[in-house]
């Protein structure tokens, strides 16, 4: 492997490469290509800085924030048979933020916009469920039910993290405290 080929592996994507005499590749460094690359890097830097400032703002103003594994379910309609989804592993890690009168669900902590949100005034139930053991360790589970029938099932491998979420949600939603874990199909 020639030196030019090795440099190409570590090259900046915007710099043009061309083959020279003897089939050797050479970087074509022009003032225009360097200016263009610098502008692109400055734009990326500004974007990452904005994302970092957003995360900092969220963490400063949020009552609680952190990663939880989440899945959503709708409450069965009257007369509808229950669905057994015990074997369905559709839990997705989400960055969850309790801020003001809402719960925000972000794909990543660095995302500028949430994927979903729920008003705390719509929450009618926050219940701890039985913990369960899986190949990835113990799961401490709880769910949040909204008046529209949307149920957010959440888990973490940290009992103290789940306890913090339960306490904060119970207080902010002004719900009665029911700390008795209910049996879940996950167990």
C-alpha atoms as a PDB file:
ATOM      1  CA  UNK A   1       0.000   0.000   0.000  1.00  0.00           C
ATOM      2  CA  UNK A   2       1.460   3.313  -1.045  1.00  0.00           C
ATOM      3  CA  UNK A   3       1.850   6.330   1.168  1.00  0.00           C
ATOM      4  CA  UNK A   4      -0.825   8.204  -0.789  1.00  0.00           C
ATOM      5  CA  UNK A   5      -3.326   5.382  -0.296  1.00  0.00           C
ATOM      6  CA  UNK A   6      -2.644   5.361   3.428  1.00  0.00           C
ATOM      7  CA  UNK A   7      -3.107   9.132   3.588  1.00  0.00           C
ATOM      8  CA  UNK A   8      -6.383   8.739   1.722  1.00  0.00           C
ATOM      9  CA  UNK A   9      -7.715   6.516   4.543  1.00  0.00           C
ATOM     10  CA  UNK A  10      -7.156   9.334   7.020  1.00  0.00           C
ATOM     11  CA  UNK A  11      -8.044  12.193   4.718  1.00  0.00           C
ATOM     12  CA  UNK A  12     -10.533  14.920   5.320  1.00  0.00           C
ATOM     13  CA  UNK A  13     -13.625  13.970   3.268  1.00  0.00           C
ATOM     14  CA  UNK A  14     -13.876  17.260   1.383  1.00  0.00           C
ATOM     15  CA  UNK A  15     -10.354  17.293  -0.048  1.00  0.00           C
ATOM     16  CA  UNK A  16     -10.176  16.097  -3.647  1.00  0.00           C
ATOM     17  CA  UNK A  17      -7.805  13.271  -4.605  1.00  0.00           C
ATOM     18  CA  UNK A  18      -6.522  12.545  -8.065  1.00  0.00           C
ATOM     19  CA  UNK A  19      -4.245  10.003  -9.658  1.00  0.00           C
ATOM     20  CA  UNK A  20      -0.939  11.316 -10.820  1.00  0.00           C
ATOM     21  CA  UNK A  21       1.809   9.837 -12.938  1.00  0.00           C
ATOM     22  CA  UNK A  22       2.786   6.283 -12.061  1.00  0.00           C
ATOM     23  CA  UNK A  23      -0.753   5.663 -10.752  1.00  0.00           C
ATOM     24  CA  UNK A  24       0.025   7.347  -7.433  1.00  0.00           C
ATOM     25  CA  UNK A  25      -2.776   9.244  -5.737  1.00  0.00           C
ATOM     26  CA  UNK A  26      -2.104  12.785  -4.666  1.00  0.00           C
ATOM     27  CA  UNK A  27      -4.096  15.194  -2.577  1.00  0.00           C
ATOM     28  CA  UNK A  28      -5.070  18.238  -4.533  1.00  0.00           C
ATOM     29  CA  UNK A  29      -4.753  21.016  -2.003  1.00  0.00           C
ATOM     30  CA  UNK A  30      -6.171  24.212  -3.342  1.00  0.00           C
ATOM     31  CA  UNK A  31      -7.073  27.323  -1.439  1.00  0.00           C
ATOM     32  CA  UNK A  32     -10.721  26.839  -2.476  1.00  0.00           C
ATOM     33  CA  UNK A  33     -10.913  23.232  -1.210  1.00  0.00           C
ATOM     34  CA  UNK A  34      -9.315  24.211   2.106  1.00  0.00           C
ATOM     35  CA  UNK A  35     -11.686  27.192   2.534  1.00  0.00           C
ATOM     36  CA  UNK A  36     -14.633  24.950   1.773  1.00  0.00           C
ATOM     37  CA  UNK A  37     -13.486  22.330   4.255  1.00  0.00           C
ATOM     38  CA  UNK A  38     -12.846  24.926   6.973  1.00  0.00           C
ATOM     39  CA  UNK A  39     -16.341  26.376   6.452  1.00  0.00           C
ATOM     40  CA  UNK A  40     -17.882  22.892   6.729  1.00  0.00           C
ATOM     41  CA  UNK A  41     -15.928  22.186   9.929  1.00  0.00           C
ATOM     42  CA  UNK A  42     -16.973  25.526  11.434  1.00  0.00           C
ATOM     43  CA  UNK A  43     -20.602  24.724  10.615  1.00  0.00           C
ATOM     44  CA  UNK A  44     -20.319  21.303  12.290  1.00  0.00           C
ATOM     45  CA  UNK A  45     -18.644  22.896  15.312  1.00  0.00           C
ATOM     46  CA  UNK A  46     -21.491  25.427  15.629  1.00  0.00           C
ATOM     47  CA  UNK A  47     -24.064  22.623  15.360  1.00  0.00           C
ATOM     48  CA  UNK A  48     -22.345  20.542  18.066  1.00  0.00           C
ATOM     49  CA  UNK A  49     -21.979  23.612  20.273  1.00  0.00           C
ATOM     50  CA  UNK A  50     -25.725  24.313  19.942  1.00  0.00           C
ATOM     51  CA  UNK A  51     -26.510  20.702  20.873  1.00  0.00           C
ATOM     52  CA  UNK A  52     -24.204  20.876  23.884  1.00  0.00           C
ATOM     53  CA  UNK A  53     -25.765  24.152  25.054  1.00  0.00           C
ATOM     54  CA  UNK A  54     -29.215  22.567  24.663  1.00  0.00           C
ATOM     55  CA  UNK A  55     -28.232  19.581  26.823  1.00  0.00           C
ATOM     56  CA  UNK A  56     -26.744  21.949  29.406  1.00  0.00           C
ATOM     57  CA  UNK A  57     -29.974  23.983  29.458  1.00  0.00           C
ATOM     58  CA  UNK A  58     -32.093  20.829  29.833  1.00  0.00           C
ATOM     59  CA  UNK A  59     -29.991  19.497  32.690  1.00  0.00           C
ATOM     60  CA  UNK A  60     -30.032  22.844  34.502  1.00  0.00           C
ATOM     61  CA  UNK A  61     -33.798  23.371  34.250  1.00  0.00           C
ATOM     62  CA  UNK A  62     -35.104  19.787  34.431  1.00  0.00           C
ATOM     63  CA  UNK A  63     -36.444  18.315  37.635  1.00  0.00           C
ATOM     64  CA  UNK A  64     -35.177  14.905  36.509  1.00  0.00           C
ATOM     65  CA  UNK A  65     -33.460  13.608  33.386  1.00  0.00           C
ATOM     66  CA  UNK A  66     -31.833  10.363  32.343  1.00  0.00           C
ATOM     67  CA  UNK A  67     -31.895   7.359  30.065  1.00  0.00           C
ATOM     68  CA  UNK A  68     -34.680   4.808  30.525  1.00  0.00           C
ATOM     69  CA  UNK A  69     -35.731   1.912  28.309  1.00  0.00           C
ATOM     70  CA  UNK A  70     -39.224   2.690  27.039  1.00  0.00           C
ATOM     71  CA  UNK A  71     -41.998   1.021  25.113  1.00  0.00           C
ATOM     72  CA  UNK A  72     -45.522   2.272  24.547  1.00  0.00           C
ATOM     73  CA  UNK A  73     -48.816   0.414  24.613  1.00  0.00           C
ATOM     74  CA  UNK A  74     -52.442   1.436  24.269  1.00  0.00           C
ATOM     75  CA  UNK A  75     -54.971   0.308  26.860  1.00  0.00           C
ATOM     76  CA  UNK A  76     -57.235  -2.424  25.463  1.00  0.00           C
ATOM     77  CA  UNK A  77     -60.684  -1.250  24.462  1.00  0.00           C
ATOM     78  CA  UNK A  78     -63.700  -2.727  26.273  1.00  0.00           C
ATOM     79  CA  UNK A  79     -64.352  -6.235  24.960  1.00  0.00           C
ATOM     80  CA  UNK A  80     -60.981  -6.387  23.198  1.00  0.00           C
ATOM     81  CA  UNK A  81     -58.942  -9.485  24.113  1.00  0.00           C
ATOM     82  CA  UNK A  82     -55.656  -8.774  25.892  1.00  0.00           C
ATOM     83  CA  UNK A  83     -52.543  -9.070  23.760  1.00  0.00           C
ATOM     84  CA  UNK A  84     -49.766 -11.287  25.080  1.00  0.00           C
ATOM     85  CA  UNK A  85     -46.592  -9.457  24.077  1.00  0.00           C
ATOM     86  CA  UNK A  86     -44.289 -11.107  26.613  1.00  0.00           C
ATOM     87  CA  UNK A  87     -41.935 -12.334  23.907  1.00  0.00           C
ATOM     88  CA  UNK A  88     -41.778  -8.969  22.137  1.00  0.00           C
ATOM     89  CA  UNK A  89     -38.576  -7.139  23.015  1.00  0.00           C
ATOM     90  CA  UNK A  90     -39.343  -3.681  21.686  1.00  0.00           C
ATOM     91  CA  UNK A  91     -37.770  -1.676  24.508  1.00  0.00           C
ATOM     92  CA  UNK A  92     -35.823   1.323  23.219  1.00  0.00           C
ATOM     93  CA  UNK A  93     -33.415   3.502  25.200  1.00  0.00           C
ATOM     94  CA  UNK A  94     -34.704   7.071  25.412  1.00  0.00           C
ATOM     95  CA  UNK A  95     -33.471  10.171  27.169  1.00  0.00           C
ATOM     96  CA  UNK A  96     -36.416  11.148  29.365  1.00  0.00           C
ATOM     97  CA  UNK A  97     -36.763  14.637  30.836  1.00  0.00           C
ATOM     98  CA  UNK A  98     -39.216  15.761  33.516  1.00  0.00           C
ATOM     99  CA  UNK A  99     -39.388  19.514  33.053  1.00  0.00           C
ATOM    100  CA  UNK A 100     -42.107  21.945  34.017  1.00  0.00           C
ATOM    101  CA  UNK A 101     -45.509  20.445  33.282  1.00  0.00           C
ATOM    102  CA  UNK A 102     -44.273  17.829  30.767  1.00  0.00           C
ATOM    103  CA  UNK A 103     -42.382  14.603  30.317  1.00  0.00           C
ATOM    104  CA  UNK A 104     -40.213  14.772  27.195  1.00  0.00           C
ATOM    105  CA  UNK A 105     -38.879  11.722  25.365  1.00  0.00           C
ATOM    106  CA  UNK A 106     -35.713  12.261  23.300  1.00  0.00           C
ATOM    107  CA  UNK A 107     -33.966   9.678  21.148  1.00  0.00           C
ATOM    108  CA  UNK A 108     -30.593  10.921  22.443  1.00  0.00           C
ATOM    109  CA  UNK A 109     -29.603  13.406  25.116  1.00  0.00           C
ATOM    110  CA  UNK A 110     -28.044  15.610  22.424  1.00  0.00           C
ATOM    111  CA  UNK A 111     -31.210  15.884  20.296  1.00  0.00           C
ATOM    112  CA  UNK A 112     -32.588  19.396  19.968  1.00  0.00           C
ATOM    113  CA  UNK A 113     -36.247  18.302  19.753  1.00  0.00           C
ATOM    114  CA  UNK A 114     -38.099  15.580  21.649  1.00  0.00           C
ATOM    115  CA  UNK A 115     -39.686  12.682  19.778  1.00  0.00           C
ATOM    116  CA  UNK A 116     -42.697  12.711  22.072  1.00  0.00           C
ATOM    117  CA  UNK A 117     -44.061  14.471  25.126  1.00  0.00           C
ATOM    118  CA  UNK A 118     -46.868  14.069  27.618  1.00  0.00           C
ATOM    119  CA  UNK A 119     -48.486  16.644  29.860  1.00  0.00           C
ATOM    120  CA  UNK A 120     -48.290  15.758  33.540  1.00  0.00           C
ATOM    121  CA  UNK A 121     -51.947  16.780  33.850  1.00  0.00           C
ATOM    122  CA  UNK A 122     -52.796  13.880  31.476  1.00  0.00           C
ATOM    123  CA  UNK A 123     -51.071  11.294  33.697  1.00  0.00           C
ATOM    124  CA  UNK A 124     -53.616   9.293  35.689  1.00  0.00           C
ATOM    125  CA  UNK A 125     -51.437   6.488  37.010  1.00  0.00           C
ATOM    126  CA  UNK A 126     -47.775   5.857  37.861  1.00  0.00           C
ATOM    127  CA  UNK A 127     -47.211   2.340  39.113  1.00  0.00           C
ATOM    128  CA  UNK A 128     -44.105   0.314  39.962  1.00  0.00           C
ATOM    129  CA  UNK A 129     -44.181  -3.178  38.468  1.00  0.00           C
ATOM    130  CA  UNK A 130     -42.382  -6.313  39.622  1.00  0.00           C
ATOM    131  CA  UNK A 131     -38.710  -6.380  38.741  1.00  0.00           C
ATOM    132  CA  UNK A 132     -37.532  -9.143  36.458  1.00  0.00           C
ATOM    133  CA  UNK A 133     -34.288 -10.873  35.556  1.00  0.00           C
ATOM    134  CA  UNK A 134     -33.142 -10.933  31.934  1.00  0.00           C
ATOM    135  CA  UNK A 135     -29.955 -11.828  30.124  1.00  0.00           C
ATOM    136  CA  UNK A 136     -28.904  -8.176  30.415  1.00  0.00           C
ATOM    137  CA  UNK A 137     -29.476  -8.154  34.196  1.00  0.00           C
ATOM    138  CA  UNK A 138     -32.264  -7.123  36.544  1.00  0.00           C
ATOM    139  CA  UNK A 139     -34.919  -4.753  35.259  1.00  0.00           C
ATOM    140  CA  UNK A 140     -36.807  -2.425  37.586  1.00  0.00           C
ATOM    141  CA  UNK A 141     -40.023  -1.546  35.787  1.00  0.00           C
ATOM    142  CA  UNK A 142     -42.798   1.019  36.141  1.00  0.00           C
ATOM    143  CA  UNK A 143     -45.489   2.421  33.895  1.00  0.00           C
ATOM    144  CA  UNK A 144     -47.086   5.774  33.308  1.00  0.00           C
ATOM    145  CA  UNK A 145     -50.700   5.776  32.073  1.00  0.00           C
ATOM    146  CA  UNK A 146     -52.325   8.801  30.442  1.00  0.00           C
ATOM    147  CA  UNK A 147     -56.024   9.667  30.363  1.00  0.00           C
ATOM    148  CA  UNK A 148     -55.976   8.949  26.601  1.00  0.00           C
ATOM    149  CA  UNK A 149     -55.053   5.313  27.356  1.00  0.00           C
ATOM    150  CA  UNK A 150     -51.406   5.563  26.281  1.00  0.00           C
ATOM    151  CA  UNK A 151     -49.145   3.588  28.605  1.00  0.00           C
ATOM    152  CA  UNK A 152     -45.402   4.272  28.762  1.00  0.00           C
ATOM    153  CA  UNK A 153     -43.640   1.220  30.171  1.00  0.00           C
ATOM    154  CA  UNK A 154     -40.197   2.102  31.514  1.00  0.00           C
ATOM    155  CA  UNK A 155     -37.290   0.173  32.986  1.00  0.00           C
ATOM    156  CA  UNK A 156     -33.807   0.703  34.276  1.00  0.00           C
ATOM    157  CA  UNK A 157     -31.226  -1.604  35.782  1.00  0.00           C
ATOM    158  CA  UNK A 158     -30.860   0.932  38.609  1.00  0.00           C
ATOM    159  CA  UNK A 159     -33.442   0.632  41.378  1.00  0.00           C
ATOM    160  CA  UNK A 160     -32.516   4.057  42.760  1.00  0.00           C
ATOM    161  CA  UNK A 161     -33.096   5.643  39.318  1.00  0.00           C
ATOM    162  CA  UNK A 162     -36.558   4.064  39.083  1.00  0.00           C
ATOM    163  CA  UNK A 163     -37.345   5.115  42.671  1.00  0.00           C
ATOM    164  CA  UNK A 164     -36.347   8.710  41.802  1.00  0.00           C
ATOM    165  CA  UNK A 165     -38.641   8.695  38.762  1.00  0.00           C
ATOM    166  CA  UNK A 166     -41.538   7.223  40.733  1.00  0.00           C
ATOM    167  CA  UNK A 167     -41.173   9.760  43.543  1.00  0.00           C
ATOM    168  CA  UNK A 168     -40.864  12.746  41.175  1.00  0.00           C
ATOM    169  CA  UNK A 169     -43.777  11.656  38.968  1.00  0.00           C
ATOM    170  CA  UNK A 170     -46.035  10.924  41.952  1.00  0.00           C
ATOM    171  CA  UNK A 171     -45.309  14.365  43.419  1.00  0.00           C
ATOM    172  CA  UNK A 172     -45.567  16.323  40.163  1.00  0.00           C
ATOM    173  CA  UNK A 173     -48.712  14.507  38.984  1.00  0.00           C
ATOM    174  CA  UNK A 174     -50.212  14.764  42.486  1.00  0.00           C
ATOM    175  CA  UNK A 175     -51.051  11.061  42.556  1.00  0.00           C
ATOM    176  CA  UNK A 176     -51.541   8.775  45.541  1.00  0.00           C
ATOM    177  CA  UNK A 177     -48.382   6.859  46.397  1.00  0.00           C
ATOM    178  CA  UNK A 178     -48.677   3.141  45.629  1.00  0.00           C
ATOM    179  CA  UNK A 179     -45.217   1.689  46.059  1.00  0.00           C
ATOM    180  CA  UNK A 180     -46.383  -1.926  46.003  1.00  0.00           C
ATOM    181  CA  UNK A 181     -45.016  -3.450  42.796  1.00  0.00           C
ATOM    182  CA  UNK A 182     -47.673  -5.069  40.650  1.00  0.00           C
ATOM    183  CA  UNK A 183     -47.149  -8.301  38.782  1.00  0.00           C
ATOM    184  CA  UNK A 184     -46.168  -7.798  35.166  1.00  0.00           C
ATOM    185  CA  UNK A 185     -45.993 -10.101  32.165  1.00  0.00           C
ATOM    186  CA  UNK A 186     -42.253  -9.343  32.052  1.00  0.00           C
ATOM    187  CA  UNK A 187     -41.577 -11.345  35.263  1.00  0.00           C
END
